[in-house]
Amino acid sequence: DLKTRTQLIEFLKRQDIQTAFHYVPLHNAKAGLQYGEFVGEDKYTTKESDRLLRLPIYYGLEHDKIRLISDIIMNYYR
């Protein structure tokens, strides 16, 4: 949930791992609110967008850095 994601972001920041969240559902975005229309029930989109976290893993990142980030996240949830 949003609280868990926020706590994880803060934890990772203290480990010098920068993360971001960037997905805003279209029906909540400024343009979506202005130009779109949401039809139906929002069972998943908003809830899932509150859980998404963009990790600093990219092409060219050394394998040991990927392992370190993964280990830190796994330790957080233990």
Protein backbone atom coordinates (compact mmCIF):
# COMPACT_ATOMS: atom_id res chain seq x y z
CA ASP A 1 0.00 0.00 0.00
CA LEU A 2 1.00 3.65 -0.12
CA LYS A 3 2.27 3.66 3.47
CA THR A 4 4.48 0.61 2.87
CA ARG A 5 5.87 2.07 -0.34
CA THR A 6 6.66 5.36 1.38
CA GLN A 7 8.44 3.55 4.21
CA LEU A 8 10.47 1.48 1.75
CA ILE A 9 11.47 4.59 -0.21
CA GLU A 10 12.69 6.22 3.00
CA PHE A 11 14.57 3.07 4.03
CA LEU A 12 16.27 2.80 0.64
CA LYS A 13 17.16 6.50 0.69
CA ARG A 14 19.01 5.93 3.97
CA GLN A 15 20.96 3.20 2.14
CA ASP A 16 21.82 5.67 -0.66
CA ILE A 17 19.48 3.92 -3.08
CA GLN A 18 17.33 6.40 -4.94
CA THR A 19 13.92 5.17 -6.03
CA ALA A 20 10.89 6.86 -7.49
CA PHE A 21 7.24 6.34 -8.06
CA HIS A 22 5.89 7.74 -11.26
CA TYR A 23 2.72 6.00 -12.31
CA VAL A 24 -0.39 8.10 -11.88
CA PRO A 25 -3.51 6.42 -13.25
CA LEU A 26 -4.89 8.34 -16.20
CA HIS A 27 -8.21 8.92 -14.47
CA ASN A 28 -6.32 10.72 -11.65
CA ALA A 29 -3.92 12.65 -13.88
CA LYS A 30 -4.57 16.30 -14.71
CA ALA A 31 -5.10 15.61 -18.41
CA GLY A 32 -7.22 12.55 -17.69
CA LEU A 33 -9.45 14.53 -15.38
CA GLN A 34 -9.75 17.33 -17.91
CA TYR A 35 -10.18 15.36 -21.13
CA GLY A 36 -11.19 11.86 -20.13
CA GLU A 37 -14.01 10.11 -18.43
CA PHE A 38 -13.65 7.18 -16.09
CA VAL A 39 -16.27 4.54 -16.64
CA GLY A 40 -16.76 1.58 -14.36
CA GLU A 41 -15.33 0.64 -11.02
CA ASP A 42 -11.69 1.25 -10.07
CA LYS A 43 -10.96 -2.11 -8.46
CA TYR A 44 -7.24 -2.25 -9.15
CA THR A 45 -5.63 0.71 -10.89
CA THR A 46 -5.38 3.22 -8.06
CA LYS A 47 -4.52 0.56 -5.49
CA GLU A 48 -1.75 -0.87 -7.67
CA SER A 49 -0.37 2.55 -8.58
CA ASP A 50 0.13 3.20 -4.85
CA ARG A 51 2.27 0.07 -4.65
CA LEU A 52 4.55 0.59 -7.65
CA LEU A 53 8.15 1.58 -7.08
CA ARG A 54 10.77 2.25 -9.71
CA LEU A 55 14.09 0.73 -8.73
CA PRO A 56 17.47 2.03 -9.92
CA ILE A 57 18.15 -1.00 -12.07
CA TYR A 58 19.08 -0.26 -15.66
CA TYR A 59 21.01 -1.64 -18.59
CA GLY A 60 24.70 -1.50 -17.83
CA LEU A 61 24.33 -1.61 -14.07
CA GLU A 62 26.92 -3.97 -12.70
CA HIS A 63 25.65 -7.32 -11.47
CA ASP A 64 27.05 -6.78 -7.96
CA LYS A 65 25.06 -3.52 -7.65
CA ILE A 66 21.88 -5.31 -8.72
CA ARG A 67 22.59 -8.00 -6.12
CA LEU A 68 23.21 -5.35 -3.45
CA ILE A 69 19.93 -3.55 -4.17
CA SER A 70 18.05 -6.85 -4.19
CA ASP A 71 19.64 -7.99 -0.93
CA ILE A 72 18.84 -4.72 0.82
CA ILE A 73 15.20 -4.93 -0.24
CA MET A 74 14.96 -8.59 0.80
CA ASN A 75 16.46 -7.73 4.20
CA TYR A 76 13.92 -4.94 4.62
CA TYR A 77 11.07 -7.44 4.34
CA ARG A 78 12.61 -10.03 6.66
